Amino acid sequence: MSEKYLDLNGLKRVVSKIKDYYTSVQTIRYKSIVATISSLPNLDDCMVGWMYSIRTGGLTTDDFVEGAGKTVSDGESVLVVNIGTEEEPIKKWDLVGGVFDVSDRLQFGNTFPASPVIGDTFLYMGTNVFDYSEVTPEGTENPSDEGWYEYSLTLESYVLTEDTEVISGKTYYIRYEKYKKGVVYVYSDSNIWAPQPNGDTISSIDSSDIESLF
């Protein structure tokens, strides 16, 4: 199971279930994936509402609401709940279902997948990537004022041009944002990653919101 998949719909279903069932849980904060049950942090170090996914399942312990000995499936999630009172809290782990490795999932990361399939979606979380496209001047523009670029053979990179008028035979470029952090891209039938159109599905996420989840 990959830790690079975030199932948005699954997470929403689990969160909805939690809020309906646990009136004491005001805020759910997804923390991370842990390798096994024994890798879960000490409950004393956790806050009510923290949720983890367990990569490789096993058996519950006395720290669980369900008691010891219950089978936990691979990828199942647990939530920190308070089964005591506000004055005398008793924190326990509670099984809340799977969030990862289901059909409706959103992959994310700093680099795009190496072998995508048409229709795959990906939340890009790397640094903004720029690309350059050739300009077809009309001849009356001021390239410098337009913010055009030219390619420097010496630097082997694109640099802002200082030309104040179009020089015949010279190639100019405009810079555009190819990949932007926090944007969801879909692998199109043209075999390129393109921004996912607005619609019923998510098209972009504030990067700080995603970073705060993990």
N, C-alpha and C. Protein backbone atom coordinates (compact mmCIF):
# COMPACT_ATOMS: atom_id res chain seq x y z
N MET A 1 0.85 -1.20 0.00
CA MET A 1 0.00 0.00 0.00
C MET A 1 0.88 1.24 0.00
N SER A 2 0.57 2.18 -0.85
CA SER A 2 1.40 3.37 -0.97
C SER A 2 0.97 4.44 0.02
N GLU A 3 1.94 5.15 0.59
CA GLU A 3 1.62 6.25 1.47
C GLU A 3 1.45 7.55 0.68
N LYS A 4 1.46 7.40 -0.65
CA LYS A 4 1.31 8.55 -1.51
C LYS A 4 -0.10 8.67 -2.09
N TYR A 5 -1.05 7.99 -1.47
CA TYR A 5 -2.43 8.07 -1.93
C TYR A 5 -3.32 8.65 -0.85
N LEU A 6 -4.10 9.60 -1.22
CA LEU A 6 -5.06 10.20 -0.31
C LEU A 6 -6.44 10.02 -0.93
N ASP A 7 -7.27 9.20 -0.30
CA ASP A 7 -8.61 8.95 -0.82
C ASP A 7 -9.55 9.99 -0.24
N LEU A 8 -9.85 11.01 -1.04
CA LEU A 8 -10.64 12.13 -0.54
C LEU A 8 -12.05 11.71 -0.15
N ASN A 9 -12.72 10.93 -1.01
CA ASN A 9 -14.08 10.53 -0.70
C ASN A 9 -14.13 9.59 0.50
N GLY A 10 -13.16 8.66 0.55
CA GLY A 10 -13.10 7.76 1.68
C GLY A 10 -12.87 8.51 2.97
N LEU A 11 -11.98 9.50 2.91
CA LEU A 11 -11.69 10.30 4.09
C LEU A 11 -12.92 11.08 4.53
N LYS A 12 -13.66 11.62 3.54
CA LYS A 12 -14.88 12.37 3.87
C LYS A 12 -15.92 11.47 4.52
N ARG A 13 -16.04 10.23 4.02
CA ARG A 13 -17.02 9.30 4.59
C ARG A 13 -16.67 8.97 6.03
N VAL A 14 -15.38 8.72 6.26
CA VAL A 14 -14.94 8.38 7.61
C VAL A 14 -15.15 9.56 8.55
N VAL A 15 -14.77 10.75 8.08
CA VAL A 15 -14.93 11.96 8.91
C VAL A 15 -16.40 12.19 9.24
N SER A 16 -17.27 11.99 8.25
CA SER A 16 -18.71 12.17 8.48
C SER A 16 -19.21 11.20 9.53
N LYS A 17 -18.77 9.95 9.40
CA LYS A 17 -19.17 8.92 10.35
C LYS A 17 -18.70 9.28 11.75
N ILE A 18 -17.47 9.76 11.83
CA ILE A 18 -16.90 10.10 13.14
C ILE A 18 -17.68 11.23 13.79
N LYS A 19 -17.96 12.26 13.02
CA LYS A 19 -18.63 13.42 13.60
C LYS A 19 -20.05 13.09 14.02
N ASP A 20 -20.68 12.16 13.29
CA ASP A 20 -22.04 11.76 13.66
C ASP A 20 -22.04 10.94 14.94
N TYR A 21 -20.99 10.14 15.12
CA TYR A 21 -20.96 9.20 16.23
C TYR A 21 -20.33 9.77 17.49
N TYR A 22 -19.26 10.52 17.29
CA TYR A 22 -18.52 11.05 18.43
C TYR A 22 -18.78 12.54 18.58
N THR A 23 -19.70 12.90 19.42
CA THR A 23 -20.01 14.32 19.59
C THR A 23 -18.87 15.06 20.27
N SER A 24 -17.98 14.30 20.95
CA SER A 24 -16.87 14.96 21.65
C SER A 24 -15.73 15.30 20.69
N VAL A 25 -15.74 14.70 19.49
CA VAL A 25 -14.67 14.96 18.54
C VAL A 25 -15.05 16.16 17.68
N GLN A 26 -14.47 17.28 17.95
CA GLN A 26 -14.79 18.51 17.24
C GLN A 26 -13.94 18.69 15.99
N THR A 27 -12.70 18.24 16.04
CA THR A 27 -11.78 18.42 14.93
C THR A 27 -11.06 17.11 14.63
N ILE A 28 -11.10 16.69 13.37
CA ILE A 28 -10.36 15.51 12.96
C ILE A 28 -9.13 15.95 12.20
N ARG A 29 -7.99 15.48 12.62
CA ARG A 29 -6.74 15.83 11.96
C ARG A 29 -6.03 14.57 11.53
N TYR A 30 -5.91 14.37 10.22
CA TYR A 30 -5.22 13.18 9.72
C TYR A 30 -3.72 13.40 9.89
N LYS A 31 -3.08 12.46 10.58
CA LYS A 31 -1.68 12.64 10.92
C LYS A 31 -0.73 11.95 9.94
N SER A 32 -0.83 10.63 9.81
CA SER A 32 0.10 9.93 8.92
C SER A 32 -0.25 8.46 8.85
N ILE A 33 0.56 7.73 8.08
CA ILE A 33 0.49 6.28 8.03
C ILE A 33 1.59 5.71 8.92
N VAL A 34 1.26 4.69 9.69
CA VAL A 34 2.26 4.00 10.49
C VAL A 34 2.40 2.58 9.96
N ALA A 35 3.53 1.97 10.23
CA ALA A 35 3.81 0.65 9.67
C ALA A 35 2.92 -0.43 10.28
N THR A 36 2.81 -0.46 11.60
CA THR A 36 2.04 -1.49 12.29
C THR A 36 1.33 -0.86 13.49
N ILE A 37 0.51 -1.66 14.14
CA ILE A 37 -0.19 -1.18 15.34
C ILE A 37 0.81 -0.75 16.41
N SER A 38 1.88 -1.51 16.54
CA SER A 38 2.88 -1.17 17.57
C SER A 38 3.61 0.13 17.24
N SER A 39 3.47 0.62 15.99
CA SER A 39 4.12 1.87 15.60
C SER A 39 3.27 3.09 15.94
N LEU A 40 2.03 2.87 16.39
CA LEU A 40 1.19 4.00 16.78
C LEU A 40 1.84 4.75 17.95
N PRO A 41 1.69 6.06 17.99
CA PRO A 41 2.29 6.81 19.09
C PRO A 41 1.60 6.51 20.42
N ASN A 42 2.23 6.90 21.49
CA ASN A 42 1.64 6.76 22.81
C ASN A 42 0.41 7.64 22.90
N LEU A 43 -0.68 7.09 23.40
CA LEU A 43 -1.93 7.86 23.49
C LEU A 43 -1.77 9.13 24.33
N ASP A 44 -0.88 9.08 25.30
CA ASP A 44 -0.66 10.27 26.13
C ASP A 44 -0.10 11.43 25.31
N ASP A 45 0.53 11.10 24.19
CA ASP A 45 1.13 12.14 23.34
C ASP A 45 0.18 12.58 22.22
N CYS A 46 -1.02 12.03 22.21
CA CYS A 46 -1.98 12.32 21.13
C CYS A 46 -3.12 13.19 21.64
N MET A 47 -3.76 13.84 20.70
CA MET A 47 -4.94 14.64 21.01
C MET A 47 -6.17 13.94 20.45
N VAL A 48 -7.30 14.10 21.13
CA VAL A 48 -8.55 13.53 20.64
C VAL A 48 -8.83 14.09 19.24
N GLY A 49 -9.16 13.21 18.31
CA GLY A 49 -9.42 13.63 16.94
C GLY A 49 -8.29 13.33 15.98
N TRP A 50 -7.13 12.93 16.51
CA TRP A 50 -6.03 12.56 15.63
C TRP A 50 -6.32 11.20 15.01
N MET A 51 -6.02 11.05 13.74
CA MET A 51 -6.31 9.82 13.03
C MET A 51 -5.06 9.33 12.30
N TYR A 52 -4.86 8.03 12.33
CA TYR A 52 -3.74 7.38 11.66
C TYR A 52 -4.24 6.22 10.82
N SER A 53 -3.51 5.90 9.76
CA SER A 53 -3.77 4.68 9.01
C SER A 53 -2.66 3.69 9.28
N ILE A 54 -3.02 2.40 9.35
CA ILE A 54 -2.06 1.35 9.67
C ILE A 54 -1.75 0.58 8.39
N ARG A 55 -0.50 0.60 8.01
CA ARG A 55 -0.10 -0.04 6.75
C ARG A 55 -0.33 -1.55 6.79
N THR A 56 0.20 -2.21 7.80
CA THR A 56 0.06 -3.66 7.93
C THR A 56 -0.75 -3.95 9.19
N GLY A 57 -1.89 -4.58 9.01
CA GLY A 57 -2.80 -4.82 10.12
C GLY A 57 -2.25 -5.81 11.14
N GLY A 58 -3.09 -6.14 12.11
CA GLY A 58 -2.68 -7.05 13.17
C GLY A 58 -3.81 -7.19 14.16
N LEU A 59 -3.50 -7.27 15.43
CA LEU A 59 -4.51 -7.42 16.47
C LEU A 59 -4.51 -6.21 17.39
N THR A 60 -5.70 -5.81 17.81
CA THR A 60 -5.82 -4.68 18.71
C THR A 60 -5.26 -5.03 20.09
N THR A 61 -5.02 -3.97 20.85
CA THR A 61 -4.53 -4.13 22.22
C THR A 61 -5.57 -3.56 23.18
N ASP A 62 -5.24 -3.54 24.45
CA ASP A 62 -6.16 -2.96 25.44
C ASP A 62 -6.32 -1.47 25.26
N ASP A 63 -5.47 -0.86 24.43
CA ASP A 63 -5.59 0.58 24.19
C ASP A 63 -6.72 0.91 23.22
N PHE A 64 -7.40 -0.10 22.70
CA PHE A 64 -8.47 0.10 21.73
C PHE A 64 -9.84 0.02 22.40
N VAL A 65 -10.78 0.80 21.89
CA VAL A 65 -12.16 0.74 22.36
C VAL A 65 -12.70 -0.67 22.20
N GLU A 66 -12.30 -1.34 21.13
CA GLU A 66 -12.79 -2.68 20.82
C GLU A 66 -12.22 -3.76 21.74
N GLY A 67 -11.23 -3.38 22.56
CA GLY A 67 -10.57 -4.35 23.40
C GLY A 67 -9.45 -5.06 22.67
N ALA A 68 -8.78 -5.97 23.34
CA ALA A 68 -7.64 -6.66 22.75
C ALA A 68 -8.09 -7.84 21.90
N GLY A 69 -7.28 -8.12 20.87
CA GLY A 69 -7.50 -9.33 20.09
C GLY A 69 -8.36 -9.19 18.85
N LYS A 70 -8.87 -8.00 18.55
CA LYS A 70 -9.68 -7.82 17.35
C LYS A 70 -8.76 -7.63 16.15
N THR A 71 -9.11 -8.26 15.02
CA THR A 71 -8.29 -8.18 13.82
C THR A 71 -8.42 -6.81 13.16
N VAL A 72 -7.30 -6.21 12.82
CA VAL A 72 -7.25 -4.94 12.11
C VAL A 72 -6.72 -5.22 10.70
N SER A 73 -7.47 -4.81 9.69
CA SER A 73 -7.07 -5.07 8.31
C SER A 73 -5.99 -4.11 7.86
N ASP A 74 -5.24 -4.52 6.84
CA ASP A 74 -4.25 -3.63 6.24
C ASP A 74 -4.95 -2.37 5.75
N GLY A 75 -4.38 -1.22 6.09
CA GLY A 75 -4.92 0.05 5.60
C GLY A 75 -6.04 0.62 6.43
N GLU A 76 -6.42 -0.06 7.49
CA GLU A 76 -7.51 0.46 8.31
C GLU A 76 -7.03 1.66 9.12
N SER A 77 -7.97 2.54 9.44
CA SER A 77 -7.63 3.77 10.16
C SER A 77 -8.14 3.73 11.58
N VAL A 78 -7.44 4.43 12.46
CA VAL A 78 -7.83 4.51 13.86
C VAL A 78 -7.89 5.98 14.28
N LEU A 79 -8.76 6.23 15.22
CA LEU A 79 -8.99 7.59 15.70
C LEU A 79 -8.79 7.64 17.21
N VAL A 80 -8.21 8.72 17.69
CA VAL A 80 -8.09 8.91 19.14
C VAL A 80 -9.41 9.48 19.65
N VAL A 81 -10.05 8.75 20.58
CA VAL A 81 -11.32 9.20 21.14
C VAL A 81 -11.21 9.25 22.66
N ASN A 82 -12.11 9.96 23.25
CA ASN A 82 -12.17 10.07 24.71
C ASN A 82 -13.42 9.34 25.19
N ILE A 83 -13.22 8.22 25.89
CA ILE A 83 -14.38 7.47 26.39
C ILE A 83 -14.66 7.82 27.85
N GLY A 84 -13.88 8.76 28.37
CA GLY A 84 -14.10 9.22 29.72
C GLY A 84 -14.92 10.50 29.73
N THR A 85 -14.57 11.40 30.60
CA THR A 85 -15.25 12.69 30.67
C THR A 85 -14.25 13.78 30.32
N GLU A 86 -14.78 14.99 30.18
CA GLU A 86 -13.88 16.10 29.88
C GLU A 86 -12.95 16.36 31.05
N GLU A 87 -13.48 16.15 32.26
CA GLU A 87 -12.66 16.37 33.45
C GLU A 87 -11.67 15.24 33.67
N GLU A 88 -12.09 14.01 33.36
CA GLU A 88 -11.23 12.84 33.54
C GLU A 88 -11.21 12.04 32.24
N PRO A 89 -10.45 12.52 31.27
CA PRO A 89 -10.44 11.87 29.95
C PRO A 89 -9.75 10.50 30.00
N ILE A 90 -10.29 9.59 29.21
CA ILE A 90 -9.67 8.28 28.99
C ILE A 90 -9.54 8.11 27.48
N LYS A 91 -8.32 8.24 26.99
CA LYS A 91 -8.10 8.17 25.55
C LYS A 91 -7.89 6.74 25.09
N LYS A 92 -8.53 6.42 23.97
CA LYS A 92 -8.43 5.10 23.37
C LYS A 92 -8.32 5.24 21.85
N TRP A 93 -7.81 4.18 21.22
CA TRP A 93 -7.87 4.08 19.77
C TRP A 93 -9.21 3.45 19.39
N ASP A 94 -9.81 3.94 18.32
CA ASP A 94 -11.04 3.32 17.83
C ASP A 94 -10.92 3.10 16.33
N LEU A 95 -11.32 1.93 15.86
CA LEU A 95 -11.26 1.62 14.44
C LEU A 95 -12.37 2.35 13.71
N VAL A 96 -12.00 3.05 12.65
CA VAL A 96 -13.01 3.86 11.93
C VAL A 96 -13.10 3.51 10.45
N GLY A 97 -12.42 2.44 10.02
CA GLY A 97 -12.55 2.02 8.63
C GLY A 97 -11.35 2.41 7.80
N GLY A 98 -11.38 1.95 6.56
CA GLY A 98 -10.26 2.20 5.65
C GLY A 98 -10.37 3.53 4.95
N VAL A 99 -9.25 4.20 4.82
CA VAL A 99 -9.18 5.46 4.09
C VAL A 99 -8.35 5.30 2.83
N PHE A 100 -7.44 4.34 2.85
CA PHE A 100 -6.50 4.20 1.75
C PHE A 100 -6.77 2.96 0.91
N ASP A 101 -6.17 2.97 -0.27
CA ASP A 101 -6.17 1.80 -1.16
C ASP A 101 -7.57 1.39 -1.57
N VAL A 102 -8.38 2.33 -1.96
CA VAL A 102 -9.70 2.05 -2.53
C VAL A 102 -9.72 2.62 -3.93
N SER A 103 -10.83 2.37 -4.65
CA SER A 103 -10.85 2.71 -6.07
C SER A 103 -10.80 4.21 -6.33
N ASP A 104 -11.45 4.99 -5.49
CA ASP A 104 -11.50 6.43 -5.72
C ASP A 104 -10.43 7.10 -4.88
N ARG A 105 -9.28 7.35 -5.48
CA ARG A 105 -8.17 7.86 -4.70
C ARG A 105 -7.43 8.94 -5.48
N LEU A 106 -6.77 9.77 -4.78
CA LEU A 106 -6.01 10.85 -5.38
C LEU A 106 -4.55 10.68 -4.98
N GLN A 107 -3.70 10.47 -5.96
CA GLN A 107 -2.27 10.34 -5.68
C GLN A 107 -1.66 11.73 -5.58
N PHE A 108 -0.65 11.85 -4.73
CA PHE A 108 0.00 13.15 -4.59
C PHE A 108 1.49 12.96 -4.34
N GLY A 109 2.25 14.00 -4.58
CA GLY A 109 3.68 13.92 -4.33
C GLY A 109 4.42 15.07 -4.99
N ASN A 110 5.75 15.04 -4.87
CA ASN A 110 6.58 16.11 -5.43
C ASN A 110 6.94 15.87 -6.88
N THR A 111 6.85 14.63 -7.32
CA THR A 111 7.15 14.29 -8.72
C THR A 111 6.01 13.46 -9.28
N PHE A 112 5.77 13.58 -10.57
CA PHE A 112 4.67 12.87 -11.20
C PHE A 112 4.99 11.38 -11.33
N PRO A 113 3.97 10.53 -11.33
CA PRO A 113 4.18 9.08 -11.46
C PRO A 113 4.90 8.73 -12.75
N ALA A 114 5.71 7.69 -12.70
CA ALA A 114 6.52 7.32 -13.86
C ALA A 114 5.71 6.62 -14.95
N SER A 115 4.69 5.88 -14.56
CA SER A 115 3.91 5.10 -15.55
C SER A 115 2.42 5.36 -15.37
N PRO A 116 1.97 6.58 -15.71
CA PRO A 116 0.56 6.91 -15.52
C PRO A 116 -0.34 6.24 -16.57
N VAL A 117 -1.61 6.14 -16.21
CA VAL A 117 -2.63 5.63 -17.11
C VAL A 117 -3.58 6.78 -17.41
N ILE A 118 -4.06 6.84 -18.65
CA ILE A 118 -4.97 7.93 -19.04
C ILE A 118 -6.15 7.99 -18.06
N GLY A 119 -6.39 9.18 -17.55
CA GLY A 119 -7.46 9.38 -16.58
C GLY A 119 -6.97 9.46 -15.15
N ASP A 120 -5.70 9.08 -14.90
CA ASP A 120 -5.13 9.20 -13.55
C ASP A 120 -5.12 10.65 -13.11
N THR A 121 -5.36 10.88 -11.83
CA THR A 121 -5.25 12.24 -11.28
C THR A 121 -4.08 12.29 -10.32
N PHE A 122 -3.51 13.47 -10.19
CA PHE A 122 -2.33 13.64 -9.35
C PHE A 122 -2.31 15.04 -8.77
N LEU A 123 -2.18 15.12 -7.45
CA LEU A 123 -2.05 16.41 -6.77
C LEU A 123 -0.57 16.73 -6.68
N TYR A 124 -0.14 17.72 -7.44
CA TYR A 124 1.28 18.07 -7.49
C TYR A 124 1.64 18.93 -6.28
N MET A 125 2.65 18.48 -5.51
CA MET A 125 3.06 19.17 -4.30
C MET A 125 4.51 19.61 -4.35
N GLY A 126 5.12 19.55 -5.56
CA GLY A 126 6.50 20.00 -5.70
C GLY A 126 6.58 21.50 -5.92
N THR A 127 7.78 21.97 -6.22
CA THR A 127 7.95 23.39 -6.50
C THR A 127 7.36 23.72 -7.87
N ASN A 128 6.96 24.96 -8.06
CA ASN A 128 6.39 25.38 -9.34
C ASN A 128 7.40 25.17 -10.47
N VAL A 129 6.91 24.62 -11.57
CA VAL A 129 7.76 24.34 -12.73
C VAL A 129 7.32 25.23 -13.89
N PHE A 130 8.28 25.91 -14.50
CA PHE A 130 7.98 26.81 -15.62
C PHE A 130 8.49 26.23 -16.93
N ASP A 131 7.81 26.58 -18.00
CA ASP A 131 8.25 26.19 -19.33
C ASP A 131 8.16 27.41 -20.24
N TYR A 132 8.66 27.27 -21.45
CA TYR A 132 8.75 28.42 -22.36
C TYR A 132 8.14 28.06 -23.71
N SER A 133 7.40 29.02 -24.24
CA SER A 133 6.74 28.82 -25.53
C SER A 133 7.16 29.93 -26.49
N GLU A 134 7.41 29.55 -27.73
CA GLU A 134 7.89 30.51 -28.71
C GLU A 134 6.83 31.55 -29.05
N VAL A 135 7.26 32.79 -29.19
CA VAL A 135 6.37 33.91 -29.52
C VAL A 135 6.46 34.19 -31.02
N THR A 136 5.33 34.55 -31.59
CA THR A 136 5.31 35.02 -32.99
C THR A 136 5.07 36.53 -32.97
N PRO A 137 6.13 37.34 -33.02
CA PRO A 137 5.97 38.79 -32.90
C PRO A 137 5.26 39.39 -34.12
N GLU A 138 4.56 40.48 -33.85
CA GLU A 138 3.98 41.24 -34.97
C GLU A 138 5.00 42.22 -35.53
N GLY A 139 6.01 42.54 -34.71
CA GLY A 139 7.08 43.42 -35.16
C GLY A 139 7.07 44.78 -34.52
N THR A 140 5.96 45.12 -33.85
CA THR A 140 5.85 46.46 -33.24
C THR A 140 6.04 46.41 -31.71
N GLU A 141 6.22 45.22 -31.17
CA GLU A 141 6.30 45.08 -29.72
C GLU A 141 7.67 45.53 -29.18
N ASN A 142 7.66 45.83 -27.89
CA ASN A 142 8.90 46.06 -27.15
C ASN A 142 9.13 44.77 -26.33
N PRO A 143 10.03 43.89 -26.78
CA PRO A 143 10.20 42.59 -26.11
C PRO A 143 10.49 42.69 -24.62
N SER A 144 11.27 43.68 -24.24
CA SER A 144 11.61 43.84 -22.83
C SER A 144 10.38 44.19 -22.01
N ASP A 145 9.58 45.15 -22.53
CA ASP A 145 8.36 45.53 -21.82
C ASP A 145 7.35 44.39 -21.77
N GLU A 146 7.38 43.54 -22.78
CA GLU A 146 6.44 42.41 -22.83
C GLU A 146 6.84 41.29 -21.86
N GLY A 147 8.06 41.37 -21.36
CA GLY A 147 8.53 40.33 -20.46
C GLY A 147 8.93 39.06 -21.18
N TRP A 148 9.37 39.19 -22.43
CA TRP A 148 9.77 38.03 -23.22
C TRP A 148 11.15 37.54 -22.81
N TYR A 149 11.41 36.32 -23.18
CA TYR A 149 12.69 35.69 -22.89
C TYR A 149 13.41 35.35 -24.20
N GLU A 150 14.71 35.15 -24.09
CA GLU A 150 15.49 34.61 -25.20
C GLU A 150 16.38 33.52 -24.63
N TYR A 151 16.85 32.64 -25.49
CA TYR A 151 17.67 31.53 -25.01
C TYR A 151 19.14 31.89 -25.11
N SER A 152 19.85 31.78 -24.00
CA SER A 152 21.28 32.08 -23.96
C SER A 152 22.08 30.79 -24.14
N LEU A 153 22.82 30.74 -25.24
CA LEU A 153 23.68 29.57 -25.47
C LEU A 153 24.81 29.51 -24.45
N THR A 154 25.25 30.67 -24.00
CA THR A 154 26.33 30.74 -23.02
C THR A 154 25.89 30.16 -21.68
N LEU A 155 24.70 30.59 -21.24
CA LEU A 155 24.17 30.14 -19.94
C LEU A 155 23.39 28.83 -20.05
N GLU A 156 23.05 28.47 -21.31
CA GLU A 156 22.24 27.28 -21.57
C GLU A 156 20.93 27.34 -20.78
N SER A 157 20.32 28.51 -20.82
CA SER A 157 19.03 28.70 -20.13
C SER A 157 18.32 29.91 -20.73
N TYR A 158 17.07 30.05 -20.37
CA TYR A 158 16.27 31.19 -20.84
C TYR A 158 16.51 32.38 -19.93
N VAL A 159 16.68 33.56 -20.52
CA VAL A 159 16.89 34.79 -19.75
C VAL A 159 15.96 35.87 -20.30
N LEU A 160 15.61 36.78 -19.43
CA LEU A 160 14.79 37.91 -19.87
C LEU A 160 15.56 38.72 -20.91
N THR A 161 14.90 39.05 -22.00
CA THR A 161 15.57 39.81 -23.04
C THR A 161 15.66 41.28 -22.65
N GLU A 162 16.70 41.94 -23.14
CA GLU A 162 16.86 43.38 -22.92
C GLU A 162 16.53 44.16 -24.19
N ASP A 163 16.10 43.46 -25.23
CA ASP A 163 15.77 44.13 -26.49
C ASP A 163 14.55 45.03 -26.31
N THR A 164 14.66 46.23 -26.84
CA THR A 164 13.53 47.17 -26.77
C THR A 164 12.72 47.19 -28.06
N GLU A 165 13.20 46.48 -29.06
CA GLU A 165 12.45 46.31 -30.29
C GLU A 165 12.72 44.93 -30.85
N VAL A 166 11.80 44.43 -31.63
CA VAL A 166 11.94 43.09 -32.18
C VAL A 166 13.08 43.06 -33.19
N ILE A 167 14.01 42.11 -32.99
CA ILE A 167 15.12 41.95 -33.91
C ILE A 167 14.78 40.83 -34.89
N SER A 168 14.81 41.16 -36.15
CA SER A 168 14.44 40.19 -37.18
C SER A 168 15.31 38.94 -37.10
N GLY A 169 14.67 37.77 -37.17
CA GLY A 169 15.39 36.51 -37.14
C GLY A 169 15.67 35.98 -35.75
N LYS A 170 15.39 36.78 -34.73
CA LYS A 170 15.64 36.35 -33.36
C LYS A 170 14.39 35.68 -32.79
N THR A 171 14.57 34.63 -32.01
CA THR A 171 13.44 33.91 -31.43
C THR A 171 13.21 34.38 -29.99
N TYR A 172 11.97 34.71 -29.69
CA TYR A 172 11.58 35.13 -28.36
C TYR A 172 10.61 34.10 -27.77
N TYR A 173 10.57 34.10 -26.45
CA TYR A 173 9.73 33.12 -25.76
C TYR A 173 8.96 33.81 -24.63
N ILE A 174 7.83 33.23 -24.30
CA ILE A 174 7.10 33.64 -23.09
C ILE A 174 7.21 32.50 -22.08
N ARG A 175 7.27 32.86 -20.83
CA ARG A 175 7.35 31.85 -19.77
C ARG A 175 5.95 31.60 -19.21
N TYR A 176 5.62 30.33 -18.99
CA TYR A 176 4.33 30.01 -18.39
C TYR A 176 4.52 28.94 -17.32
N GLU A 177 3.54 28.87 -16.44
CA GLU A 177 3.60 27.93 -15.32
C GLU A 177 3.09 26.58 -15.80
N LYS A 178 4.00 25.62 -15.92
CA LYS A 178 3.62 24.30 -16.41
C LYS A 178 2.97 23.47 -15.31
N TYR A 179 3.59 23.44 -14.14
CA TYR A 179 3.05 22.71 -13.00
C TYR A 179 3.09 23.62 -11.78
N LYS A 180 1.96 23.70 -11.10
CA LYS A 180 1.86 24.58 -9.94
C LYS A 180 1.51 23.76 -8.71
N LYS A 181 2.21 24.06 -7.64
CA LYS A 181 1.98 23.36 -6.38
C LYS A 181 0.53 23.54 -5.91
N GLY A 182 -0.09 22.42 -5.53
CA GLY A 182 -1.45 22.47 -5.01
C GLY A 182 -2.52 22.28 -6.07
N VAL A 183 -2.11 22.08 -7.32
CA VAL A 183 -3.08 21.89 -8.40
C VAL A 183 -3.20 20.40 -8.73
N VAL A 184 -4.43 19.97 -8.99
CA VAL A 184 -4.67 18.58 -9.39
C VAL A 184 -4.58 18.48 -10.91
N TYR A 185 -3.78 17.53 -11.38
CA TYR A 185 -3.61 17.31 -12.82
C TYR A 185 -4.20 15.95 -13.20
N VAL A 186 -4.65 15.85 -14.43
CA VAL A 186 -5.18 14.59 -14.95
C VAL A 186 -4.34 14.20 -16.16
N TYR A 187 -4.05 12.91 -16.27
CA TYR A 187 -3.26 12.42 -17.40
C TYR A 187 -4.20 12.24 -18.58
N SER A 188 -4.01 13.07 -19.60
CA SER A 188 -4.96 13.14 -20.71
C SER A 188 -4.65 12.12 -21.79
N ASP A 189 -5.56 12.01 -22.77
CA ASP A 189 -5.35 11.08 -23.88
C ASP A 189 -4.27 11.58 -24.82
N SER A 190 -3.77 12.80 -24.57
CA SER A 190 -2.61 13.31 -25.32
C SER A 190 -1.30 12.93 -24.64
N ASN A 191 -1.42 12.10 -23.60
CA ASN A 191 -0.25 11.63 -22.83
C ASN A 191 0.52 12.76 -22.17
N ILE A 192 -0.21 13.72 -21.65
CA ILE A 192 0.39 14.81 -20.88
C ILE A 192 -0.42 15.03 -19.62
N TRP A 193 0.24 15.61 -18.62
CA TRP A 193 -0.46 15.99 -17.39
C TRP A 193 -1.03 17.39 -17.59
N ALA A 194 -2.35 17.50 -17.53
CA ALA A 194 -3.01 18.79 -17.73
C ALA A 194 -3.84 19.12 -16.50
N PRO A 195 -3.99 20.40 -16.17
CA PRO A 195 -4.81 20.77 -15.01
C PRO A 195 -6.22 20.18 -15.13
N GLN A 196 -6.69 19.60 -14.06
CA GLN A 196 -8.03 19.03 -14.08
C GLN A 196 -9.07 20.14 -14.16
N PRO A 197 -10.02 20.04 -15.09
CA PRO A 197 -11.03 21.09 -15.23
C PRO A 197 -11.88 21.20 -13.98
N ASN A 198 -12.43 22.37 -13.75
CA ASN A 198 -13.34 22.55 -12.63
C ASN A 198 -14.59 21.70 -12.87
N GLY A 199 -15.19 21.23 -11.82
CA GLY A 199 -16.38 20.41 -11.96
C GLY A 199 -16.74 19.84 -10.61
N ASP A 200 -17.30 18.65 -10.62
CA ASP A 200 -17.70 18.02 -9.37
C ASP A 200 -16.51 17.56 -8.56
N THR A 201 -15.38 17.30 -9.24
CA THR A 201 -14.20 16.83 -8.53
C THR A 201 -13.27 18.00 -8.23
N ILE A 202 -12.39 17.77 -7.28
CA ILE A 202 -11.50 18.84 -6.84
C ILE A 202 -10.50 19.18 -7.93
N SER A 203 -10.25 20.45 -8.14
CA SER A 203 -9.29 20.87 -9.16
C SER A 203 -8.04 21.48 -8.56
N SER A 204 -8.13 21.96 -7.34
CA SER A 204 -6.94 22.50 -6.68
C SER A 204 -7.16 22.50 -5.17
N ILE A 205 -6.06 22.46 -4.46
CA ILE A 205 -6.08 22.46 -3.00
C ILE A 205 -5.01 23.41 -2.52
N ASP A 206 -5.33 24.21 -1.53
CA ASP A 206 -4.31 25.08 -0.97
C ASP A 206 -3.21 24.19 -0.40
N SER A 207 -1.97 24.43 -0.83
CA SER A 207 -0.88 23.54 -0.44
C SER A 207 -0.72 23.46 1.08
N SER A 208 -1.02 24.54 1.78
CA SER A 208 -0.88 24.50 3.23
C SER A 208 -1.91 23.57 3.87
N ASP A 209 -3.08 23.41 3.21
CA ASP A 209 -4.09 22.50 3.74
C ASP A 209 -3.61 21.06 3.65
N ILE A 210 -2.97 20.71 2.52
CA ILE A 210 -2.46 19.36 2.36
C ILE A 210 -1.29 19.12 3.31
N GLU A 211 -0.40 20.08 3.40
CA GLU A 211 0.77 19.92 4.25
C GLU A 211 0.36 19.77 5.70
N SER A 212 -0.74 20.40 6.09
CA SER A 212 -1.18 20.31 7.49
C SER A 212 -1.78 18.95 7.80
N LEU A 213 -2.13 18.18 6.75
CA LEU A 213 -2.70 16.86 7.00
C LEU A 213 -1.64 15.85 7.42
N PHE A 214 -0.39 16.10 7.03
CA PHE A 214 0.64 15.07 7.20
C PHE A 214 1.80 15.56 8.03
